[in-house]
Every structure is written in structure tokens, then in C-alpha cells.
């Protein structure tokens, strides 16, 4: 199922959800001065899947941000800042609050279901890292050790 979203209920949505590109991005067909979707908005749209909450409301914005912060600590920042735009890599509480009203077609997960999904994913990642390290050591042990004499 495709991810769909709605921005119209965000206060000042046009100013919050759109920015002016400050540099050309030829790979994306963007020229400096073009009005484009704010990368914060785009990131929060995709983050709804990661946090298991399909909307940001007055009632759940703290929960949304908390889950997002935990996710970013485990897996890295969701944020993509376009060329020439500065800001933190991680999405901020202020950015989440500014996007109250954002809706997607993602179904809500309970805290317990979300925590289980995220910890399972994190553990799987770490097991893969461990497996790769173990294979590298095993491969290195198979190679003959070179001894260099100092004259």
C-alpha cells in the first residue's frame, strides 16, 4: 500500500511545509529559488511509519517526538537538509510541534507493539554487525601471517 499524506490541517501549512531552495540540485530537478517541500515535512511524513503513528496531534505530539528521538538514537537521523540549508541532523521537538495536523495512512501502534518492533529491528542490526565482524576475523585467520625482518 502506498504511503499517502495530508498537510492541510497544519497551522500555516504553506509556510511550514514549503521552503525556497537556496542552491541548485540538478539530480532532483531543482533550481535555486524554486519553492519545494520542506525536507522536515518530508522526513516527518516518512517518520510516521517508523514511529507507528499516522498523525501528529496535540494529544500525541509528545509521544510522536519521544518515539522519533529513540528511533534516531538507534538508527541515525531521519533528516535530509538540502544543500545550503543548515540545521541539526535529528528532527527537533519544535519541528514536530510545527507539524501538528500532519496525517498519513499509517495505522497506530501501541507503545508495547512499537517497542517490540524497534528493539527486534535494532537487535537484528547488531547481530548482523557481529556476524560480519566474526567473518572478517575468520577470513583474516585463514591468511598466512607475514613476518618482516628488520636488517
Protein backbone atom coordinates (compact mmCIF):
# COMPACT_ATOMS: atom_id res chain seq x y z
CA UNK A 1 0.00 0.00 0.00
CA UNK A 2 1.34 3.44 -0.91
CA UNK A 3 2.02 5.99 1.79
CA UNK A 4 -0.39 8.91 1.48
CA UNK A 5 -0.36 12.15 3.44
CA UNK A 6 -2.39 15.26 4.16
CA UNK A 7 -0.89 18.63 5.14
CA UNK A 8 -3.90 20.96 5.03
CA UNK A 9 -4.63 20.80 8.77
CA UNK A 10 -1.16 22.01 9.77
CA UNK A 11 -1.31 25.61 11.03
CA UNK A 12 0.32 27.89 8.41
CA UNK A 13 0.92 24.77 6.36
CA UNK A 14 2.19 26.61 3.28
CA UNK A 15 4.95 28.38 5.25
CA UNK A 16 5.73 25.33 7.41
CA UNK A 17 5.69 22.70 4.67
CA UNK A 18 7.44 24.59 1.86
CA UNK A 19 10.80 26.31 1.53
CA UNK A 20 12.74 28.16 -1.14
CA UNK A 21 15.70 26.20 -2.49
CA UNK A 22 18.92 28.14 -1.88
CA UNK A 23 21.03 26.09 -4.29
CA UNK A 24 20.61 24.12 -7.49
CA UNK A 25 20.04 20.37 -7.07
CA UNK A 26 20.24 19.14 -10.66
CA UNK A 27 19.81 15.48 -9.68
CA UNK A 28 16.40 16.36 -8.26
CA UNK A 29 15.47 18.87 -10.98
CA UNK A 30 15.56 21.78 -8.51
CA UNK A 31 16.94 25.24 -9.22
CA UNK A 32 17.82 27.88 -6.64
CA UNK A 33 14.70 29.92 -5.95
CA UNK A 34 12.25 27.08 -6.62
CA UNK A 35 9.60 26.52 -3.96
CA UNK A 36 9.87 22.91 -2.75
CA UNK A 37 8.51 20.76 0.04
CA UNK A 38 10.34 21.34 3.31
CA UNK A 39 12.62 18.36 3.95
CA UNK A 40 11.42 18.43 7.57
CA UNK A 41 7.89 17.80 6.31
CA UNK A 42 9.06 15.02 4.02
CA UNK A 43 11.06 13.44 6.83
CA UNK A 44 8.13 13.58 9.24
CA UNK A 45 5.83 12.01 6.65
CA UNK A 46 8.18 9.02 6.35
CA UNK A 47 8.82 9.02 10.11
CA UNK A 48 5.16 8.19 10.72
CA UNK A 49 5.96 4.65 9.58
CA UNK A 50 9.00 4.40 11.86
CA UNK A 51 7.18 5.70 14.93
CA UNK A 52 3.98 3.78 14.27
CA UNK A 53 1.74 6.84 14.49
CA UNK A 54 -0.09 8.04 11.39
CA UNK A 55 -0.67 11.58 12.55
CA UNK A 56 0.71 14.30 14.75
CA UNK A 57 -1.93 15.71 17.08
CA UNK A 58 -1.98 17.93 20.17
CA UNK A 59 -2.61 14.77 22.18
CA UNK A 60 0.18 12.59 20.76
CA UNK A 61 2.91 15.04 19.69
CA UNK A 62 5.00 14.30 22.79
CA UNK A 63 4.65 10.54 22.19
CA UNK A 64 5.46 11.03 18.49
CA UNK A 65 8.60 13.03 19.32
CA UNK A 66 9.68 10.57 22.02
CA UNK A 67 9.45 7.61 19.67
CA UNK A 68 11.19 9.57 16.93
CA UNK A 69 14.06 10.57 19.24
CA UNK A 70 14.54 6.95 20.34
CA UNK A 71 14.43 5.76 16.72
CA UNK A 72 17.01 8.33 15.64
CA UNK A 73 19.32 7.40 18.54
CA UNK A 74 19.18 3.77 17.48
CA UNK A 75 19.29 4.09 13.69
CA UNK A 76 20.50 7.61 12.86
CA UNK A 77 18.86 10.80 11.75
CA UNK A 78 15.81 10.84 9.51
CA UNK A 79 16.62 14.34 8.34
CA UNK A 80 17.96 15.35 4.98
CA UNK A 81 18.95 19.01 4.85
CA UNK A 82 19.23 20.21 1.25
CA UNK A 83 22.39 21.85 0.02
CA UNK A 84 22.84 25.28 1.59
CA UNK A 85 20.34 24.72 4.42
CA UNK A 86 21.74 24.37 7.91
CA UNK A 87 20.25 22.73 10.94
CA UNK A 88 20.54 19.73 13.22
CA UNK A 89 20.55 16.27 11.72
CA UNK A 90 17.95 14.99 14.15
CA UNK A 91 14.42 16.30 13.92
CA UNK A 92 13.59 18.63 16.80
CA UNK A 93 10.64 18.82 19.16
CA UNK A 94 9.86 22.27 17.70
CA UNK A 95 9.67 20.82 14.18
CA UNK A 96 7.30 18.10 15.36
CA UNK A 97 5.11 20.69 17.12
CA UNK A 98 5.04 22.87 13.98
CA UNK A 99 3.67 19.86 12.08
CA UNK A 100 0.70 19.16 14.35
CA UNK A 101 -2.09 18.33 11.91
CA UNK A 102 0.03 16.16 9.61
CA UNK A 103 -1.84 12.95 8.71
CA UNK A 104 -0.84 9.81 6.85
CA UNK A 105 -2.46 6.46 6.21
CA UNK A 106 -0.20 4.72 8.75
CA UNK A 107 -2.15 2.85 11.42
CA UNK A 108 -1.38 3.49 15.10
CA UNK A 109 0.74 1.06 17.13
CA UNK A 110 0.59 0.72 20.88
CA UNK A 111 3.74 1.62 22.79
CA UNK A 112 4.35 -2.06 23.53
CA UNK A 113 3.97 -3.18 19.90
CA UNK A 114 6.17 -0.31 18.68
CA UNK A 115 8.87 -1.00 21.29
CA UNK A 116 8.94 -4.69 20.37
CA UNK A 117 9.22 -3.93 16.64
CA UNK A 118 12.00 -1.39 17.13
CA UNK A 119 14.05 -3.46 19.58
CA UNK A 120 13.71 -6.52 17.33
CA UNK A 121 14.98 -4.44 14.41
CA UNK A 122 17.86 -2.98 16.46
CA UNK A 123 18.91 -6.41 17.73
CA UNK A 124 18.82 -7.81 14.21
CA UNK A 125 21.08 -4.97 13.02
CA UNK A 126 23.55 -5.62 15.82
CA UNK A 127 23.59 -9.36 15.14
CA UNK A 128 24.39 -8.62 11.50
CA UNK A 129 27.26 -6.30 12.55
CA UNK A 130 28.57 -9.03 14.85
CA UNK A 131 28.32 -11.67 12.14
CA UNK A 132 30.27 -9.51 9.69
CA UNK A 133 32.99 -8.86 12.28
CA UNK A 134 33.25 -12.57 13.05
CA UNK A 135 33.56 -13.45 9.35
CA UNK A 136 36.29 -10.82 8.87
CA UNK A 137 38.28 -12.29 11.77
CA UNK A 138 37.83 -15.83 10.47
CA UNK A 139 38.95 -14.78 6.98
CA UNK A 140 41.95 -12.95 8.43
CA UNK A 141 42.93 -16.07 10.40
CA UNK A 142 42.95 -18.08 7.15
CA UNK A 143 45.59 -15.86 5.58
CA UNK A 144 49.25 -16.55 6.28
CA UNK A 145 50.86 -14.10 8.63
CA UNK A 146 53.65 -12.08 7.01
CA UNK A 147 56.79 -11.64 9.07
CA UNK A 148 59.13 -8.81 8.17
CA UNK A 149 62.74 -8.97 9.32
CA UNK A 150 64.46 -5.76 10.18
CA UNK A 151 68.01 -5.73 8.90
